[in-house]
């Protein structure tokens, strides 16, 4: 009888579990619940690429209209880091709804679910001019310190102009 079999089986099972739990942003899986502080730290430390951060929700019709613009940008411009930050947790703290939405729409951009419940405590930390309206988009270039913020639905061509404004 091989006494190592249970150990090998356990190690194999752990390896499979670890692999399956890794977030796969290339498939657009919304696995990452993130607190605002962690999101801000990530935004501040990225210096290699311009960042486009879109704040949206599955219940926001204008947000859904503009999602294809961000997906196209993510596909076409590898020099831009696109993040889609879902604000669904405020009204319905069930991240599975967002994950199912992302899977159904086959979103490929990075999707984060902001794990904050009270917008009044954090909205002005994203941008002092933000009233809280959705959709909202933040474009940041940490190399030169330029940033722009817009709280409205973007139309085709506007995203490229916002990016050009921070280059």
C-alpha atoms as a PDB file:
ATOM      1  CA  UNK A   1       0.000   0.000   0.000  1.00  0.00           C
ATOM      2  CA  UNK A   2       1.301   3.443  -0.941  1.00  0.00           C
ATOM      3  CA  UNK A   3       1.233   5.698   2.122  1.00  0.00           C
ATOM      4  CA  UNK A   4       2.006   8.816   0.076  1.00  0.00           C
ATOM      5  CA  UNK A   5      -1.177   8.588  -1.970  1.00  0.00           C
ATOM      6  CA  UNK A   6      -3.337  10.613   0.504  1.00  0.00           C
ATOM      7  CA  UNK A   7      -0.678  13.339   0.656  1.00  0.00           C
ATOM      8  CA  UNK A   8      -0.333  13.463  -3.145  1.00  0.00           C
ATOM      9  CA  UNK A   9      -4.102  13.533  -3.518  1.00  0.00           C
ATOM     10  CA  UNK A  10      -4.387  16.373  -0.992  1.00  0.00           C
ATOM     11  CA  UNK A  11      -1.623  18.380  -2.686  1.00  0.00           C
ATOM     12  CA  UNK A  12      -3.213  17.819  -6.089  1.00  0.00           C
ATOM     13  CA  UNK A  13      -6.621  18.898  -4.774  1.00  0.00           C
ATOM     14  CA  UNK A  14      -5.133  22.012  -3.179  1.00  0.00           C
ATOM     15  CA  UNK A  15      -3.292  22.889  -6.391  1.00  0.00           C
ATOM     16  CA  UNK A  16      -6.501  22.563  -8.445  1.00  0.00           C
ATOM     17  CA  UNK A  17      -8.455  24.644  -5.911  1.00  0.00           C
ATOM     18  CA  UNK A  18      -5.800  27.358  -5.931  1.00  0.00           C
ATOM     19  CA  UNK A  19      -5.694  27.455  -9.741  1.00  0.00           C
ATOM     20  CA  UNK A  20      -9.474  27.645 -10.028  1.00  0.00           C
ATOM     21  CA  UNK A  21      -9.695  30.484  -7.524  1.00  0.00           C
ATOM     22  CA  UNK A  22      -7.265  32.772  -9.378  1.00  0.00           C
ATOM     23  CA  UNK A  23      -8.990  35.778 -10.950  1.00  0.00           C
ATOM     24  CA  UNK A  24      -8.898  35.605 -14.730  1.00  0.00           C
ATOM     25  CA  UNK A  25      -9.255  39.137 -16.040  1.00  0.00           C
ATOM     26  CA  UNK A  26      -8.684  38.048 -19.600  1.00  0.00           C
ATOM     27  CA  UNK A  27     -12.115  36.470 -19.386  1.00  0.00           C
ATOM     28  CA  UNK A  28     -13.552  39.487 -17.614  1.00  0.00           C
ATOM     29  CA  UNK A  29     -14.595  37.584 -14.529  1.00  0.00           C
ATOM     30  CA  UNK A  30     -15.853  39.841 -11.773  1.00  0.00           C
ATOM     31  CA  UNK A  31     -14.233  37.952  -8.935  1.00  0.00           C
ATOM     32  CA  UNK A  32     -12.608  40.819  -7.132  1.00  0.00           C
ATOM     33  CA  UNK A  33     -14.452  42.522  -4.335  1.00  0.00           C
ATOM     34  CA  UNK A  34     -12.388  45.585  -3.554  1.00  0.00           C
ATOM     35  CA  UNK A  35     -12.558  48.277  -0.904  1.00  0.00           C
ATOM     36  CA  UNK A  36     -12.059  51.884  -1.985  1.00  0.00           C
ATOM     37  CA  UNK A  37      -8.741  52.176  -0.167  1.00  0.00           C
ATOM     38  CA  UNK A  38      -7.290  49.191  -2.075  1.00  0.00           C
ATOM     39  CA  UNK A  39      -8.642  50.525  -5.376  1.00  0.00           C
ATOM     40  CA  UNK A  40      -7.071  53.935  -4.733  1.00  0.00           C
ATOM     41  CA  UNK A  41      -3.729  52.357  -3.859  1.00  0.00           C
ATOM     42  CA  UNK A  42      -3.795  50.303  -7.058  1.00  0.00           C
ATOM     43  CA  UNK A  43      -4.671  53.379  -9.124  1.00  0.00           C
ATOM     44  CA  UNK A  44      -1.899  55.458  -7.533  1.00  0.00           C
ATOM     45  CA  UNK A  45       0.828  52.855  -7.940  1.00  0.00           C
ATOM     46  CA  UNK A  46       0.269  52.085 -11.627  1.00  0.00           C
ATOM     47  CA  UNK A  47       2.678  54.232 -13.593  1.00  0.00           C
ATOM     48  CA  UNK A  48       3.197  52.258 -16.814  1.00  0.00           C
ATOM     49  CA  UNK A  49      -0.134  52.874 -18.513  1.00  0.00           C
ATOM     50  CA  UNK A  50      -2.911  55.426 -18.668  1.00  0.00           C
ATOM     51  CA  UNK A  51      -5.845  54.175 -16.636  1.00  0.00           C
ATOM     52  CA  UNK A  52      -9.507  54.439 -17.548  1.00  0.00           C
ATOM     53  CA  UNK A  53     -11.745  53.647 -14.598  1.00  0.00           C
ATOM     54  CA  UNK A  54     -15.462  53.482 -15.288  1.00  0.00           C
ATOM     55  CA  UNK A  55     -17.902  53.468 -12.369  1.00  0.00           C
ATOM     56  CA  UNK A  56     -21.106  51.721 -13.378  1.00  0.00           C
ATOM     57  CA  UNK A  57     -23.923  49.451 -12.177  1.00  0.00           C
ATOM     58  CA  UNK A  58     -25.962  46.695 -13.785  1.00  0.00           C
ATOM     59  CA  UNK A  59     -29.177  48.642 -13.061  1.00  0.00           C
ATOM     60  CA  UNK A  60     -27.919  51.850 -14.762  1.00  0.00           C
ATOM     61  CA  UNK A  61     -29.226  52.064 -18.355  1.00  0.00           C
ATOM     62  CA  UNK A  62     -26.720  54.737 -19.541  1.00  0.00           C
ATOM     63  CA  UNK A  63     -23.907  52.636 -18.026  1.00  0.00           C
ATOM     64  CA  UNK A  64     -24.937  49.640 -20.092  1.00  0.00           C
ATOM     65  CA  UNK A  65     -25.137  51.748 -23.263  1.00  0.00           C
ATOM     66  CA  UNK A  66     -21.509  52.867 -22.906  1.00  0.00           C
ATOM     67  CA  UNK A  67     -20.007  49.514 -21.790  1.00  0.00           C
ATOM     68  CA  UNK A  68     -19.158  48.537 -25.401  1.00  0.00           C
ATOM     69  CA  UNK A  69     -16.956  51.665 -25.659  1.00  0.00           C
ATOM     70  CA  UNK A  70     -14.825  50.415 -22.756  1.00  0.00           C
ATOM     71  CA  UNK A  71     -14.734  46.878 -24.090  1.00  0.00           C
ATOM     72  CA  UNK A  72     -13.527  48.145 -27.473  1.00  0.00           C
ATOM     73  CA  UNK A  73     -10.899  50.346 -25.804  1.00  0.00           C
ATOM     74  CA  UNK A  74      -9.721  47.360 -23.759  1.00  0.00           C
ATOM     75  CA  UNK A  75      -9.460  45.249 -26.894  1.00  0.00           C
ATOM     76  CA  UNK A  76      -7.794  47.870 -29.110  1.00  0.00           C
ATOM     77  CA  UNK A  77      -5.410  49.646 -26.732  1.00  0.00           C
ATOM     78  CA  UNK A  78      -3.121  47.434 -24.675  1.00  0.00           C
ATOM     79  CA  UNK A  79      -1.320  50.617 -23.550  1.00  0.00           C
ATOM     80  CA  UNK A  80      -4.445  51.598 -21.575  1.00  0.00           C
ATOM     81  CA  UNK A  81      -5.584  49.837 -18.386  1.00  0.00           C
ATOM     82  CA  UNK A  82      -9.391  49.652 -18.407  1.00  0.00           C
ATOM     83  CA  UNK A  83     -11.171  48.933 -15.128  1.00  0.00           C
ATOM     84  CA  UNK A  84     -14.926  48.604 -14.846  1.00  0.00           C
ATOM     85  CA  UNK A  85     -15.840  49.242 -11.211  1.00  0.00           C
ATOM     86  CA  UNK A  86     -19.306  47.998 -10.341  1.00  0.00           C
ATOM     87  CA  UNK A  87     -21.213  49.942  -7.707  1.00  0.00           C
ATOM     88  CA  UNK A  88     -23.966  47.345  -7.391  1.00  0.00           C
ATOM     89  CA  UNK A  89     -23.067  46.393  -3.803  1.00  0.00           C
ATOM     90  CA  UNK A  90     -24.580  49.622  -2.459  1.00  0.00           C
ATOM     91  CA  UNK A  91     -28.161  48.714  -3.409  1.00  0.00           C
ATOM     92  CA  UNK A  92     -27.901  44.925  -3.534  1.00  0.00           C
ATOM     93  CA  UNK A  93     -24.970  43.330  -1.697  1.00  0.00           C
ATOM     94  CA  UNK A  94     -24.956  40.212  -3.884  1.00  0.00           C
ATOM     95  CA  UNK A  95     -21.778  40.059  -6.002  1.00  0.00           C
ATOM     96  CA  UNK A  96     -23.079  36.969  -7.822  1.00  0.00           C
ATOM     97  CA  UNK A  97     -25.519  39.157  -9.764  1.00  0.00           C
ATOM     98  CA  UNK A  98     -22.607  41.178 -11.129  1.00  0.00           C
ATOM     99  CA  UNK A  99     -20.589  38.055 -11.876  1.00  0.00           C
ATOM    100  CA  UNK A 100     -23.503  36.532 -13.803  1.00  0.00           C
ATOM    101  CA  UNK A 101     -23.977  39.790 -15.715  1.00  0.00           C
ATOM    102  CA  UNK A 102     -20.275  39.898 -16.640  1.00  0.00           C
ATOM    103  CA  UNK A 103     -20.364  36.263 -17.790  1.00  0.00           C
ATOM    104  CA  UNK A 104     -23.585  36.746 -19.781  1.00  0.00           C
ATOM    105  CA  UNK A 105     -22.225  39.874 -21.521  1.00  0.00           C
ATOM    106  CA  UNK A 106     -18.809  38.213 -21.971  1.00  0.00           C
ATOM    107  CA  UNK A 107     -16.997  41.317 -20.717  1.00  0.00           C
ATOM    108  CA  UNK A 108     -13.240  41.048 -21.123  1.00  0.00           C
ATOM    109  CA  UNK A 109     -12.072  44.220 -19.388  1.00  0.00           C
ATOM    110  CA  UNK A 110     -11.077  43.974 -15.737  1.00  0.00           C
ATOM    111  CA  UNK A 111     -14.206  44.117 -13.586  1.00  0.00           C
ATOM    112  CA  UNK A 112     -14.002  45.012  -9.920  1.00  0.00           C
ATOM    113  CA  UNK A 113     -16.920  45.094  -7.510  1.00  0.00           C
ATOM    114  CA  UNK A 114     -16.586  47.981  -5.086  1.00  0.00           C
ATOM    115  CA  UNK A 115     -17.343  46.597  -1.640  1.00  0.00           C
ATOM    116  CA  UNK A 116     -18.638  49.832  -0.124  1.00  0.00           C
ATOM    117  CA  UNK A 117     -22.200  50.353   1.063  1.00  0.00           C
ATOM    118  CA  UNK A 118     -22.500  54.080   1.851  1.00  0.00           C
ATOM    119  CA  UNK A 119     -21.621  56.247  -1.173  1.00  0.00           C
ATOM    120  CA  UNK A 120     -21.772  59.443   0.897  1.00  0.00           C
ATOM    121  CA  UNK A 121     -18.639  58.344   2.759  1.00  0.00           C
ATOM    122  CA  UNK A 122     -16.439  57.719  -0.283  1.00  0.00           C
ATOM    123  CA  UNK A 123     -17.707  59.475  -3.462  1.00  0.00           C
ATOM    124  CA  UNK A 124     -15.702  62.663  -2.880  1.00  0.00           C
ATOM    125  CA  UNK A 125     -12.574  60.546  -2.314  1.00  0.00           C
ATOM    126  CA  UNK A 126     -12.780  59.441  -5.962  1.00  0.00           C
ATOM    127  CA  UNK A 127     -13.267  63.003  -7.194  1.00  0.00           C
ATOM    128  CA  UNK A 128     -14.377  66.073  -5.261  1.00  0.00           C
ATOM    129  CA  UNK A 129     -16.657  67.151  -8.120  1.00  0.00           C
ATOM    130  CA  UNK A 130     -18.554  63.833  -8.258  1.00  0.00           C
ATOM    131  CA  UNK A 131     -22.208  64.156  -7.281  1.00  0.00           C
ATOM    132  CA  UNK A 132     -22.579  60.378  -7.275  1.00  0.00           C
ATOM    133  CA  UNK A 133     -24.334  60.181 -10.643  1.00  0.00           C
ATOM    134  CA  UNK A 134     -23.646  57.182 -12.879  1.00  0.00           C
ATOM    135  CA  UNK A 135     -21.999  56.467 -15.153  1.00  0.00           C
ATOM    136  CA  UNK A 136     -18.780  58.179 -14.155  1.00  0.00           C
ATOM    137  CA  UNK A 137     -15.346  57.840 -15.722  1.00  0.00           C
ATOM    138  CA  UNK A 138     -11.926  58.718 -14.366  1.00  0.00           C
ATOM    139  CA  UNK A 139      -8.921  58.896 -16.722  1.00  0.00           C
ATOM    140  CA  UNK A 140      -5.506  59.078 -15.063  1.00  0.00           C
ATOM    141  CA  UNK A 141      -1.928  59.364 -16.271  1.00  0.00           C
ATOM    142  CA  UNK A 142       0.334  58.933 -13.246  1.00  0.00           C
ATOM    143  CA  UNK A 143       3.461  59.649 -15.313  1.00  0.00           C
ATOM    144  CA  UNK A 144       2.551  63.310 -15.734  1.00  0.00           C
ATOM    145  CA  UNK A 145      -0.058  63.688 -12.973  1.00  0.00           C
ATOM    146  CA  UNK A 146      -2.889  64.555 -15.364  1.00  0.00           C
ATOM    147  CA  UNK A 147      -6.403  63.322 -14.713  1.00  0.00           C
ATOM    148  CA  UNK A 148      -9.921  64.039 -15.858  1.00  0.00           C
ATOM    149  CA  UNK A 149     -13.307  63.055 -14.466  1.00  0.00           C
ATOM    150  CA  UNK A 150     -16.671  62.921 -16.238  1.00  0.00           C
ATOM    151  CA  UNK A 151     -20.033  61.959 -14.735  1.00  0.00           C
ATOM    152  CA  UNK A 152     -22.281  61.208 -17.694  1.00  0.00           C
ATOM    153  CA  UNK A 153     -22.709  58.685 -20.464  1.00  0.00           C
ATOM    154  CA  UNK A 154     -19.873  58.880 -22.974  1.00  0.00           C
ATOM    155  CA  UNK A 155     -20.613  58.858 -26.688  1.00  0.00           C
ATOM    156  CA  UNK A 156     -18.415  57.269 -29.373  1.00  0.00           C
ATOM    157  CA  UNK A 157     -15.206  59.268 -29.811  1.00  0.00           C
ATOM    158  CA  UNK A 158     -15.366  61.018 -26.433  1.00  0.00           C
ATOM    159  CA  UNK A 159     -13.296  58.424 -24.617  1.00  0.00           C
ATOM    160  CA  UNK A 160     -10.410  58.913 -27.023  1.00  0.00           C
ATOM    161  CA  UNK A 161     -10.569  62.691 -26.442  1.00  0.00           C
ATOM    162  CA  UNK A 162     -10.441  62.199 -22.671  1.00  0.00           C
ATOM    163  CA  UNK A 163      -7.383  59.963 -23.064  1.00  0.00           C
ATOM    164  CA  UNK A 164      -5.682  62.477 -25.369  1.00  0.00           C
ATOM    165  CA  UNK A 165      -6.304  65.147 -22.723  1.00  0.00           C
ATOM    166  CA  UNK A 166      -4.122  63.343 -20.161  1.00  0.00           C
ATOM    167  CA  UNK A 167      -1.264  62.358 -22.474  1.00  0.00           C
END
